[in-house]
Amino acid sequence: MYAGDEDVDRLSTSLSVNDLEKLVQKISSLSKKDAVPSSCCVTPYSATNALPQPFMKELIRFGTQFVGYREYAAKLEETLAESNKRADALAAKLEQSEKARKKAEADAAAVEGLRKRLHDAETSLSDNIAQQSAREKEILTRLESQSRRFVRKTQQDYELESPEGDPLLDALSLLEIHGDEAREGLLEAG
């Protein structure tokens, strides 16, 4: 980017007369509708009649401003392109996170369904265990009742040498002993 009087002087000496004439013609054709400031009024020029210094500096200043604005516009376009890329990347990330959120919500709903099913299964298992426990108590009561009947009839009470530790199995073992004794009694009587 060019700016300042040093750049103007440098440009005015480095441009050829033909280039300057073309630049002046272009600028004058653009500004024919507007009034020309008095500082920029010149007499007709040619290759032998150089342009006045203040007008030349104005032209160069306009040229450098144009170059500066063009560079600034290019930078802005570049920044805009980068911003658009970042916006696209953020939009893609947003879309991914939206998909992840929907998946997480679906998973959470599935987890709630699984929790309900687990709770139902636990309740059912608890009910089954309670029913089984009640049946075992009923069976145990009946087995103990049978053993007491045998004891009353045979007048012999037995104890297990090595109990299982399970009241149901122990009562069944005692009943088996009484049953064996009853069979032997029937065989001897018969």
N, C-alpha and C. Protein backbone atom coordinates (compact mmCIF):
# COMPACT_ATOMS: atom_id res chain seq x y z
N MET A 1 0.84 -1.16 0.00
CA MET A 1 0.00 0.00 0.00
C MET A 1 0.90 1.24 0.00
N TYR A 2 0.54 2.23 -0.81
CA TYR A 2 1.34 3.47 -0.90
C TYR A 2 0.64 4.56 -0.11
N ALA A 3 1.41 5.36 0.59
CA ALA A 3 0.85 6.50 1.31
C ALA A 3 1.97 7.48 1.60
N GLY A 4 1.64 8.74 1.67
CA GLY A 4 2.64 9.75 2.03
C GLY A 4 3.28 10.41 0.83
N ASP A 5 3.94 11.56 1.08
CA ASP A 5 4.56 12.33 0.01
C ASP A 5 5.75 11.62 -0.60
N GLU A 6 6.49 10.84 0.22
CA GLU A 6 7.67 10.16 -0.35
C GLU A 6 7.25 9.17 -1.43
N ASP A 7 6.13 8.45 -1.16
CA ASP A 7 5.65 7.50 -2.15
C ASP A 7 5.16 8.22 -3.40
N VAL A 8 4.53 9.36 -3.21
CA VAL A 8 4.04 10.12 -4.36
C VAL A 8 5.21 10.56 -5.22
N ASP A 9 6.28 11.10 -4.59
CA ASP A 9 7.45 11.53 -5.35
C ASP A 9 8.09 10.35 -6.06
N ARG A 10 8.15 9.22 -5.37
CA ARG A 10 8.78 8.04 -5.96
C ARG A 10 7.97 7.58 -7.17
N LEU A 11 6.64 7.57 -7.06
CA LEU A 11 5.80 7.13 -8.17
C LEU A 11 5.87 8.11 -9.34
N SER A 12 5.90 9.41 -9.04
CA SER A 12 5.89 10.38 -10.13
C SER A 12 7.17 10.30 -10.95
N THR A 13 8.26 9.90 -10.37
CA THR A 13 9.50 9.79 -11.14
C THR A 13 9.62 8.43 -11.81
N SER A 14 8.92 7.41 -11.27
CA SER A 14 9.08 6.08 -11.86
C SER A 14 8.09 5.81 -12.98
N LEU A 15 7.03 6.61 -13.11
CA LEU A 15 6.07 6.40 -14.19
C LEU A 15 6.55 7.10 -15.46
N SER A 16 6.28 6.48 -16.58
CA SER A 16 6.64 7.12 -17.86
C SER A 16 5.58 8.16 -18.21
N VAL A 17 5.92 9.03 -19.12
CA VAL A 17 5.01 10.10 -19.52
C VAL A 17 3.77 9.51 -20.17
N ASN A 18 3.94 8.46 -20.97
CA ASN A 18 2.79 7.83 -21.63
C ASN A 18 1.82 7.26 -20.60
N ASP A 19 2.38 6.61 -19.57
CA ASP A 19 1.52 6.05 -18.52
C ASP A 19 0.77 7.15 -17.78
N LEU A 20 1.47 8.26 -17.54
CA LEU A 20 0.82 9.38 -16.86
C LEU A 20 -0.30 9.95 -17.71
N GLU A 21 -0.06 10.06 -19.03
CA GLU A 21 -1.09 10.59 -19.92
C GLU A 21 -2.32 9.69 -19.90
N LYS A 22 -2.09 8.40 -19.93
CA LYS A 22 -3.22 7.46 -19.90
C LYS A 22 -3.99 7.59 -18.59
N LEU A 23 -3.26 7.72 -17.49
CA LEU A 23 -3.89 7.85 -16.18
C LEU A 23 -4.72 9.13 -16.09
N VAL A 24 -4.16 10.23 -16.60
CA VAL A 24 -4.88 11.50 -16.58
C VAL A 24 -6.12 11.42 -17.44
N GLN A 25 -6.03 10.81 -18.63
CA GLN A 25 -7.19 10.68 -19.51
C GLN A 25 -8.29 9.86 -18.83
N LYS A 26 -7.89 8.81 -18.18
CA LYS A 26 -8.87 7.96 -17.49
C LYS A 26 -9.57 8.72 -16.40
N ILE A 27 -8.78 9.42 -15.60
CA ILE A 27 -9.36 10.16 -14.48
C ILE A 27 -10.23 11.29 -14.99
N SER A 28 -9.79 11.98 -16.03
CA SER A 28 -10.58 13.10 -16.54
C SER A 28 -11.87 12.60 -17.19
N SER A 29 -11.85 11.44 -17.81
CA SER A 29 -13.08 10.92 -18.41
C SER A 29 -14.07 10.49 -17.32
N LEU A 30 -13.58 10.07 -16.18
CA LEU A 30 -14.47 9.66 -15.09
C LEU A 30 -15.10 10.86 -14.40
N SER A 31 -14.39 11.97 -14.39
CA SER A 31 -14.87 13.10 -13.60
C SER A 31 -15.42 14.24 -14.45
N LYS A 32 -15.83 14.01 -15.68
CA LYS A 32 -16.34 15.08 -16.53
C LYS A 32 -17.65 15.63 -16.00
N LYS A 33 -18.40 14.85 -15.31
CA LYS A 33 -19.68 15.30 -14.78
C LYS A 33 -19.47 16.23 -13.58
N ASP A 34 -18.43 15.98 -12.82
CA ASP A 34 -18.17 16.77 -11.61
C ASP A 34 -17.35 18.01 -11.97
N ALA A 35 -17.51 19.02 -11.12
CA ALA A 35 -16.70 20.23 -11.29
C ALA A 35 -15.29 19.92 -10.85
N VAL A 36 -14.33 20.41 -11.60
CA VAL A 36 -12.93 20.16 -11.29
C VAL A 36 -12.47 21.22 -10.30
N PRO A 37 -11.85 20.82 -9.18
CA PRO A 37 -11.35 21.81 -8.23
C PRO A 37 -10.28 22.67 -8.88
N SER A 38 -10.16 23.89 -8.39
CA SER A 38 -9.21 24.85 -8.99
C SER A 38 -7.78 24.39 -8.84
N SER A 39 -7.49 23.63 -7.78
CA SER A 39 -6.11 23.17 -7.59
C SER A 39 -5.74 22.13 -8.64
N CYS A 40 -6.77 21.54 -9.28
CA CYS A 40 -6.48 20.49 -10.26
C CYS A 40 -6.60 20.99 -11.69
N CYS A 41 -6.96 22.23 -11.91
CA CYS A 41 -7.09 22.74 -13.27
C CYS A 41 -5.71 22.84 -13.91
N VAL A 42 -5.62 22.37 -15.13
CA VAL A 42 -4.34 22.39 -15.83
C VAL A 42 -4.56 22.93 -17.23
N THR A 43 -3.49 23.35 -17.78
CA THR A 43 -3.51 23.75 -19.18
C THR A 43 -3.34 22.50 -20.01
N PRO A 44 -3.71 22.52 -21.27
CA PRO A 44 -3.53 21.30 -22.07
C PRO A 44 -2.11 20.78 -21.95
N TYR A 45 -2.01 19.51 -21.92
CA TYR A 45 -0.71 18.88 -21.70
C TYR A 45 -0.31 18.08 -22.92
N SER A 46 0.96 17.76 -22.96
CA SER A 46 1.49 16.90 -24.01
C SER A 46 2.73 16.25 -23.45
N ALA A 47 3.40 15.50 -24.29
CA ALA A 47 4.60 14.81 -23.82
C ALA A 47 5.69 15.81 -23.48
N THR A 48 5.66 16.97 -24.12
CA THR A 48 6.70 17.97 -23.83
C THR A 48 6.29 18.88 -22.69
N ASN A 49 4.98 19.06 -22.49
CA ASN A 49 4.49 19.92 -21.42
C ASN A 49 4.12 19.03 -20.24
N ALA A 50 4.95 18.93 -19.26
CA ALA A 50 4.69 18.05 -18.10
C ALA A 50 3.55 18.61 -17.27
N LEU A 51 2.90 17.76 -16.57
CA LEU A 51 1.78 18.16 -15.70
C LEU A 51 2.31 18.93 -14.50
N PRO A 52 1.54 19.85 -13.98
CA PRO A 52 1.97 20.57 -12.78
C PRO A 52 2.12 19.60 -11.61
N GLN A 53 3.03 19.87 -10.72
CA GLN A 53 3.36 18.99 -9.61
C GLN A 53 2.17 18.72 -8.68
N PRO A 54 1.36 19.73 -8.24
CA PRO A 54 0.24 19.43 -7.34
C PRO A 54 -0.77 18.49 -7.97
N PHE A 55 -1.07 18.67 -9.25
CA PHE A 55 -2.02 17.79 -9.92
C PHE A 55 -1.47 16.37 -9.99
N MET A 56 -0.18 16.26 -10.28
CA MET A 56 0.46 14.96 -10.36
C MET A 56 0.39 14.24 -9.02
N LYS A 57 0.64 14.99 -7.95
CA LYS A 57 0.57 14.39 -6.62
C LYS A 57 -0.85 13.91 -6.31
N GLU A 58 -1.85 14.70 -6.72
CA GLU A 58 -3.25 14.29 -6.51
C GLU A 58 -3.55 13.00 -7.26
N LEU A 59 -3.11 12.93 -8.52
CA LEU A 59 -3.35 11.72 -9.30
C LEU A 59 -2.69 10.50 -8.66
N ILE A 60 -1.46 10.71 -8.22
CA ILE A 60 -0.74 9.59 -7.60
C ILE A 60 -1.41 9.20 -6.28
N ARG A 61 -1.87 10.22 -5.55
CA ARG A 61 -2.56 9.92 -4.29
C ARG A 61 -3.83 9.12 -4.57
N PHE A 62 -4.58 9.51 -5.61
CA PHE A 62 -5.76 8.74 -5.98
C PHE A 62 -5.40 7.32 -6.38
N GLY A 63 -4.32 7.21 -7.14
CA GLY A 63 -3.87 5.88 -7.57
C GLY A 63 -3.46 5.01 -6.39
N THR A 64 -2.72 5.61 -5.46
CA THR A 64 -2.30 4.82 -4.29
C THR A 64 -3.49 4.46 -3.41
N GLN A 65 -4.46 5.39 -3.31
CA GLN A 65 -5.66 5.06 -2.55
C GLN A 65 -6.40 3.90 -3.20
N PHE A 66 -6.48 3.95 -4.54
CA PHE A 66 -7.14 2.86 -5.25
C PHE A 66 -6.44 1.54 -4.98
N VAL A 67 -5.09 1.55 -5.08
CA VAL A 67 -4.32 0.32 -4.82
C VAL A 67 -4.56 -0.12 -3.38
N GLY A 68 -4.55 0.85 -2.45
CA GLY A 68 -4.78 0.51 -1.04
C GLY A 68 -6.16 -0.08 -0.83
N TYR A 69 -7.17 0.54 -1.46
CA TYR A 69 -8.52 0.01 -1.31
C TYR A 69 -8.66 -1.36 -1.94
N ARG A 70 -7.98 -1.55 -3.07
CA ARG A 70 -8.03 -2.86 -3.72
C ARG A 70 -7.41 -3.91 -2.82
N GLU A 71 -6.25 -3.58 -2.21
CA GLU A 71 -5.61 -4.52 -1.29
C GLU A 71 -6.50 -4.77 -0.08
N TYR A 72 -7.11 -3.70 0.43
CA TYR A 72 -7.99 -3.83 1.59
C TYR A 72 -9.20 -4.71 1.23
N ALA A 73 -9.76 -4.48 0.03
CA ALA A 73 -10.89 -5.30 -0.43
C ALA A 73 -10.48 -6.76 -0.59
N ALA A 74 -9.27 -6.99 -1.09
CA ALA A 74 -8.79 -8.37 -1.24
C ALA A 74 -8.66 -9.03 0.13
N LYS A 75 -8.14 -8.27 1.10
CA LYS A 75 -8.02 -8.82 2.46
C LYS A 75 -9.39 -9.11 3.05
N LEU A 76 -10.32 -8.19 2.81
CA LEU A 76 -11.68 -8.41 3.32
C LEU A 76 -12.32 -9.64 2.69
N GLU A 77 -12.10 -9.81 1.37
CA GLU A 77 -12.63 -10.99 0.69
C GLU A 77 -12.02 -12.26 1.27
N GLU A 78 -10.73 -12.21 1.54
CA GLU A 78 -10.03 -13.36 2.13
C GLU A 78 -10.59 -13.65 3.53
N THR A 79 -10.76 -12.59 4.31
CA THR A 79 -11.32 -12.75 5.66
C THR A 79 -12.74 -13.30 5.59
N LEU A 80 -13.52 -12.80 4.63
CA LEU A 80 -14.88 -13.29 4.45
C LEU A 80 -14.87 -14.77 4.08
N ALA A 81 -13.98 -15.16 3.18
CA ALA A 81 -13.89 -16.57 2.79
C ALA A 81 -13.53 -17.44 3.99
N GLU A 82 -12.58 -16.98 4.81
CA GLU A 82 -12.21 -17.73 6.01
C GLU A 82 -13.38 -17.80 6.98
N SER A 83 -14.09 -16.69 7.13
CA SER A 83 -15.26 -16.67 8.02
C SER A 83 -16.33 -17.63 7.52
N ASN A 84 -16.53 -17.66 6.19
CA ASN A 84 -17.51 -18.59 5.62
C ASN A 84 -17.10 -20.04 5.86
N LYS A 85 -15.80 -20.32 5.72
CA LYS A 85 -15.32 -21.68 5.99
C LYS A 85 -15.57 -22.05 7.45
N ARG A 86 -15.24 -21.12 8.35
CA ARG A 86 -15.47 -21.38 9.78
C ARG A 86 -16.96 -21.55 10.07
N ALA A 87 -17.79 -20.74 9.41
CA ALA A 87 -19.24 -20.86 9.61
C ALA A 87 -19.73 -22.21 9.11
N ASP A 88 -19.21 -22.66 7.95
CA ASP A 88 -19.58 -23.98 7.44
C ASP A 88 -19.13 -25.08 8.39
N ALA A 89 -17.91 -24.96 8.92
CA ALA A 89 -17.41 -25.96 9.87
C ALA A 89 -18.26 -25.97 11.14
N LEU A 90 -18.62 -24.78 11.62
CA LEU A 90 -19.48 -24.70 12.81
C LEU A 90 -20.86 -25.28 12.53
N ALA A 91 -21.38 -25.03 11.33
CA ALA A 91 -22.68 -25.59 10.97
C ALA A 91 -22.62 -27.12 10.93
N ALA A 92 -21.52 -27.66 10.39
CA ALA A 92 -21.35 -29.12 10.37
C ALA A 92 -21.25 -29.67 11.79
N LYS A 93 -20.49 -28.97 12.64
CA LYS A 93 -20.38 -29.41 14.04
C LYS A 93 -21.73 -29.33 14.74
N LEU A 94 -22.47 -28.28 14.46
CA LEU A 94 -23.80 -28.13 15.05
C LEU A 94 -24.71 -29.28 14.62
N GLU A 95 -24.63 -29.62 13.34
CA GLU A 95 -25.45 -30.73 12.83
C GLU A 95 -25.05 -32.04 13.50
N GLN A 96 -23.74 -32.26 13.66
CA GLN A 96 -23.27 -33.47 14.34
C GLN A 96 -23.74 -33.49 15.78
N SER A 97 -23.64 -32.36 16.46
CA SER A 97 -24.05 -32.34 17.87
C SER A 97 -25.56 -32.51 17.98
N GLU A 98 -26.30 -32.01 17.01
CA GLU A 98 -27.76 -32.20 17.01
C GLU A 98 -28.10 -33.68 16.84
N LYS A 99 -27.37 -34.35 15.93
CA LYS A 99 -27.57 -35.80 15.76
C LYS A 99 -27.21 -36.54 17.03
N ALA A 100 -26.10 -36.14 17.65
CA ALA A 100 -25.67 -36.79 18.90
C ALA A 100 -26.70 -36.55 20.01
N ARG A 101 -27.27 -35.35 20.05
CA ARG A 101 -28.29 -35.05 21.06
C ARG A 101 -29.53 -35.92 20.85
N LYS A 102 -29.97 -36.05 19.58
CA LYS A 102 -31.13 -36.89 19.30
C LYS A 102 -30.86 -38.34 19.65
N LYS A 103 -29.64 -38.81 19.34
CA LYS A 103 -29.27 -40.19 19.68
C LYS A 103 -29.25 -40.37 21.19
N ALA A 104 -28.71 -39.38 21.91
CA ALA A 104 -28.67 -39.46 23.37
C ALA A 104 -30.08 -39.48 23.96
N GLU A 105 -30.98 -38.68 23.38
CA GLU A 105 -32.36 -38.68 23.85
C GLU A 105 -33.01 -40.03 23.59
N ALA A 106 -32.75 -40.61 22.41
CA ALA A 106 -33.29 -41.93 22.10
C ALA A 106 -32.72 -42.98 23.05
N ASP A 107 -31.41 -42.89 23.31
CA ASP A 107 -30.78 -43.83 24.24
C ASP A 107 -31.36 -43.67 25.64
N ALA A 108 -31.60 -42.42 26.05
CA ALA A 108 -32.18 -42.17 27.38
C ALA A 108 -33.58 -42.77 27.47
N ALA A 109 -34.35 -42.63 26.39
CA ALA A 109 -35.69 -43.23 26.37
C ALA A 109 -35.58 -44.75 26.44
N ALA A 110 -34.61 -45.31 25.73
CA ALA A 110 -34.41 -46.76 25.77
C ALA A 110 -33.98 -47.20 27.16
N VAL A 111 -33.13 -46.40 27.80
CA VAL A 111 -32.69 -46.73 29.17
C VAL A 111 -33.88 -46.71 30.12
N GLU A 112 -34.77 -45.73 29.96
CA GLU A 112 -35.96 -45.68 30.80
C GLU A 112 -36.82 -46.93 30.60
N GLY A 113 -36.96 -47.35 29.35
CA GLY A 113 -37.70 -48.58 29.05
C GLY A 113 -37.04 -49.79 29.69
N LEU A 114 -35.71 -49.84 29.60
CA LEU A 114 -34.98 -50.96 30.21
C LEU A 114 -35.12 -50.93 31.73
N ARG A 115 -35.08 -49.74 32.32
CA ARG A 115 -35.25 -49.64 33.78
C ARG A 115 -36.62 -50.14 34.20
N LYS A 116 -37.64 -49.78 33.44
CA LYS A 116 -38.99 -50.23 33.76
C LYS A 116 -39.07 -51.74 33.65
N ARG A 117 -38.50 -52.29 32.59
CA ARG A 117 -38.53 -53.75 32.42
C ARG A 117 -37.76 -54.44 33.54
N LEU A 118 -36.60 -53.86 33.94
CA LEU A 118 -35.82 -54.42 35.03
C LEU A 118 -36.62 -54.37 36.33
N HIS A 119 -37.29 -53.25 36.58
CA HIS A 119 -38.10 -53.13 37.79
C HIS A 119 -39.23 -54.17 37.79
N ASP A 120 -39.88 -54.33 36.63
CA ASP A 120 -40.95 -55.33 36.51
C ASP A 120 -40.40 -56.73 36.75
N ALA A 121 -39.21 -57.02 36.20
CA ALA A 121 -38.60 -58.34 36.39
C ALA A 121 -38.24 -58.56 37.85
N GLU A 122 -37.70 -57.52 38.51
CA GLU A 122 -37.36 -57.64 39.93
C GLU A 122 -38.60 -57.88 40.77
N THR A 123 -39.68 -57.16 40.45
CA THR A 123 -40.94 -57.34 41.18
C THR A 123 -41.47 -58.75 40.97
N SER A 124 -41.44 -59.22 39.74
CA SER A 124 -41.91 -60.57 39.43
C SER A 124 -41.06 -61.61 40.14
N LEU A 125 -39.74 -61.43 40.13
CA LEU A 125 -38.85 -62.36 40.82
C LEU A 125 -39.12 -62.37 42.32
N SER A 126 -39.32 -61.19 42.88
CA SER A 126 -39.63 -61.09 44.31
C SER A 126 -40.93 -61.81 44.64
N ASP A 127 -41.94 -61.64 43.77
CA ASP A 127 -43.21 -62.34 43.97
C ASP A 127 -43.03 -63.85 43.87
N ASN A 128 -42.23 -64.29 42.88
CA ASN A 128 -41.98 -65.73 42.72
C ASN A 128 -41.24 -66.30 43.93
N ILE A 129 -40.27 -65.55 44.43
CA ILE A 129 -39.51 -66.02 45.61
C ILE A 129 -40.44 -66.11 46.82
N ALA A 130 -41.33 -65.12 46.97
CA ALA A 130 -42.29 -65.15 48.09
C ALA A 130 -43.22 -66.35 47.96
N GLN A 131 -43.71 -66.62 46.74
CA GLN A 131 -44.58 -67.78 46.52
C GLN A 131 -43.84 -69.08 46.80
N GLN A 132 -42.60 -69.17 46.32
CA GLN A 132 -41.81 -70.38 46.54
C GLN A 132 -41.53 -70.58 48.03
N SER A 133 -41.23 -69.50 48.72
CA SER A 133 -40.98 -69.58 50.16
C SER A 133 -42.23 -70.06 50.89
N ALA A 134 -43.39 -69.55 50.50
CA ALA A 134 -44.65 -69.98 51.12
C ALA A 134 -44.91 -71.46 50.84
N ARG A 135 -44.64 -71.91 49.62
CA ARG A 135 -44.83 -73.34 49.29
C ARG A 135 -43.88 -74.21 50.09
N GLU A 136 -42.62 -73.75 50.21
CA GLU A 136 -41.64 -74.53 50.98
C GLU A 136 -42.08 -74.65 52.44
N LYS A 137 -42.62 -73.57 53.01
CA LYS A 137 -43.10 -73.62 54.40
C LYS A 137 -44.25 -74.61 54.53
N GLU A 138 -45.15 -74.57 53.53
CA GLU A 138 -46.29 -75.49 53.56
C GLU A 138 -45.81 -76.94 53.45
N ILE A 139 -44.87 -77.20 52.55
CA ILE A 139 -44.32 -78.56 52.39
C ILE A 139 -43.61 -78.98 53.67
N LEU A 140 -42.83 -78.08 54.25
CA LEU A 140 -42.10 -78.38 55.49
C LEU A 140 -43.09 -78.71 56.61
N THR A 141 -44.16 -77.95 56.71
CA THR A 141 -45.17 -78.21 57.73
C THR A 141 -45.78 -79.60 57.54
N ARG A 142 -46.08 -79.94 56.32
CA ARG A 142 -46.68 -81.26 56.03
C ARG A 142 -45.71 -82.39 56.32
N LEU A 143 -44.43 -82.20 55.94
CA LEU A 143 -43.43 -83.25 56.21
C LEU A 143 -43.24 -83.44 57.72
N GLU A 144 -43.16 -82.33 58.46
CA GLU A 144 -43.00 -82.43 59.91
C GLU A 144 -44.23 -83.08 60.54
N SER A 145 -45.40 -82.76 59.99
CA SER A 145 -46.64 -83.37 60.49
C SER A 145 -46.62 -84.87 60.27
N GLN A 146 -46.16 -85.32 59.11
CA GLN A 146 -46.06 -86.77 58.81
C GLN A 146 -45.06 -87.43 59.75
N SER A 147 -43.93 -86.75 59.99
CA SER A 147 -42.92 -87.32 60.89
C SER A 147 -43.49 -87.47 62.30
N ARG A 148 -44.25 -86.50 62.77
CA ARG A 148 -44.84 -86.60 64.12
C ARG A 148 -45.83 -87.76 64.19
N ARG A 149 -46.59 -87.98 63.11
CA ARG A 149 -47.54 -89.11 63.10
C ARG A 149 -46.79 -90.42 63.22
N PHE A 150 -45.66 -90.53 62.45
CA PHE A 150 -44.87 -91.77 62.54
C PHE A 150 -44.32 -91.95 63.95
N VAL A 151 -43.86 -90.87 64.53
CA VAL A 151 -43.29 -90.96 65.89
C VAL A 151 -44.37 -91.42 66.87
N ARG A 152 -45.60 -90.89 66.74
CA ARG A 152 -46.68 -91.31 67.64
C ARG A 152 -47.04 -92.77 67.44
N LYS A 153 -47.01 -93.25 66.21
CA LYS A 153 -47.40 -94.63 65.94
C LYS A 153 -46.29 -95.61 66.29
N THR A 154 -45.04 -95.23 66.01
CA THR A 154 -43.94 -96.18 66.22
C THR A 154 -43.23 -95.96 67.54
N GLN A 155 -43.49 -94.90 68.17
CA GLN A 155 -42.84 -94.54 69.43
C GLN A 155 -41.32 -94.44 69.29
N GLN A 156 -40.85 -94.14 68.12
CA GLN A 156 -39.41 -93.98 67.91
C GLN A 156 -39.16 -92.62 67.23
N ASP A 157 -38.32 -91.82 67.89
CA ASP A 157 -37.97 -90.50 67.36
C ASP A 157 -36.52 -90.55 66.88
N TYR A 158 -36.27 -90.09 65.68
CA TYR A 158 -34.92 -90.13 65.10
C TYR A 158 -34.36 -88.72 64.97
N GLU A 159 -33.05 -88.66 65.02
CA GLU A 159 -32.33 -87.42 64.74
C GLU A 159 -31.30 -87.70 63.66
N LEU A 160 -31.08 -86.74 62.79
CA LEU A 160 -30.11 -86.91 61.70
C LEU A 160 -28.70 -86.76 62.23
N GLU A 161 -27.80 -87.64 61.76
CA GLU A 161 -26.40 -87.55 62.18
C GLU A 161 -25.71 -86.34 61.55
N SER A 162 -25.97 -86.10 60.30
CA SER A 162 -25.36 -84.94 59.62
C SER A 162 -26.46 -84.19 58.86
N PRO A 163 -27.09 -83.23 59.52
CA PRO A 163 -28.17 -82.49 58.85
C PRO A 163 -27.63 -81.64 57.70
N GLU A 164 -28.48 -81.41 56.72
CA GLU A 164 -28.12 -80.63 55.51
C GLU A 164 -28.05 -79.13 55.81
N GLY A 165 -28.77 -78.70 56.81
CA GLY A 165 -28.83 -77.26 57.10
C GLY A 165 -30.03 -76.61 56.44
N ASP A 166 -30.70 -77.36 55.59
CA ASP A 166 -31.91 -76.87 54.93
C ASP A 166 -33.09 -77.56 55.62
N PRO A 167 -33.99 -76.82 56.28
CA PRO A 167 -35.07 -77.46 57.03
C PRO A 167 -35.94 -78.37 56.17
N LEU A 168 -36.15 -78.01 54.92
CA LEU A 168 -36.97 -78.83 54.03
C LEU A 168 -36.30 -80.17 53.75
N LEU A 169 -35.01 -80.15 53.42
CA LEU A 169 -34.29 -81.40 53.15
C LEU A 169 -34.15 -82.25 54.41
N ASP A 170 -33.93 -81.61 55.56
CA ASP A 170 -33.82 -82.36 56.82
C ASP A 170 -35.14 -83.04 57.16
N ALA A 171 -36.26 -82.34 56.98
CA ALA A 171 -37.58 -82.94 57.25
C ALA A 171 -37.84 -84.09 56.29
N LEU A 172 -37.44 -83.95 55.03
CA LEU A 172 -37.61 -85.02 54.05
C LEU A 172 -36.76 -86.23 54.42
N SER A 173 -35.54 -86.00 54.89
CA SER A 173 -34.67 -87.11 55.31
C SER A 173 -35.29 -87.86 56.49
N LEU A 174 -35.85 -87.15 57.47
CA LEU A 174 -36.52 -87.81 58.60
C LEU A 174 -37.73 -88.61 58.13
N LEU A 175 -38.47 -88.05 57.19
CA LEU A 175 -39.64 -88.76 56.65
C LEU A 175 -39.21 -90.02 55.91
N GLU A 176 -38.08 -89.96 55.18
CA GLU A 176 -37.56 -91.16 54.51
C GLU A 176 -37.21 -92.24 55.52
N ILE A 177 -36.60 -91.84 56.63
CA ILE A 177 -36.24 -92.81 57.68
C ILE A 177 -37.51 -93.46 58.23
N HIS A 178 -38.53 -92.66 58.50
CA HIS A 178 -39.80 -93.20 59.01
C HIS A 178 -40.46 -94.08 57.95
N GLY A 179 -40.36 -93.69 56.70
CA GLY A 179 -40.93 -94.51 55.62
C GLY A 179 -40.22 -95.85 55.51
N ASP A 180 -38.88 -95.85 55.62
CA ASP A 180 -38.12 -97.12 55.59
C ASP A 180 -38.53 -98.01 56.76
N GLU A 181 -38.71 -97.40 57.92
CA GLU A 181 -39.10 -98.16 59.11
C GLU A 181 -40.49 -98.77 58.92
N ALA A 182 -41.38 -97.99 58.31
CA ALA A 182 -42.74 -98.49 58.08
C ALA A 182 -42.72 -99.63 57.09
N ARG A 183 -41.91 -99.56 56.05
CA ARG A 183 -41.82 -100.66 55.08
C ARG A 183 -41.30 -101.93 55.74
N GLU A 184 -40.25 -101.75 56.54
CA GLU A 184 -39.68 -102.92 57.23
C GLU A 184 -40.72 -103.56 58.15
N GLY A 185 -41.50 -102.68 58.81
CA GLY A 185 -42.56 -103.20 59.70
C GLY A 185 -43.61 -103.95 58.92
N LEU A 186 -43.96 -103.47 57.75
CA LEU A 186 -44.96 -104.14 56.92
C LEU A 186 -44.42 -105.45 56.38
N LEU A 187 -43.15 -105.48 56.02
CA LEU A 187 -42.56 -106.72 55.51
C LEU A 187 -42.49 -107.79 56.61
N GLU A 188 -42.15 -107.37 57.81
CA GLU A 188 -42.09 -108.31 58.92
C GLU A 188 -43.48 -108.81 59.29
N ALA A 189 -44.46 -107.96 59.20
CA ALA A 189 -45.82 -108.34 59.55
C ALA A 189 -46.45 -109.19 58.47
N GLY A 190 -46.03 -109.08 57.33
CA GLY A 190 -46.65 -109.68 56.20
C GLY A 190 -46.23 -110.98 55.79
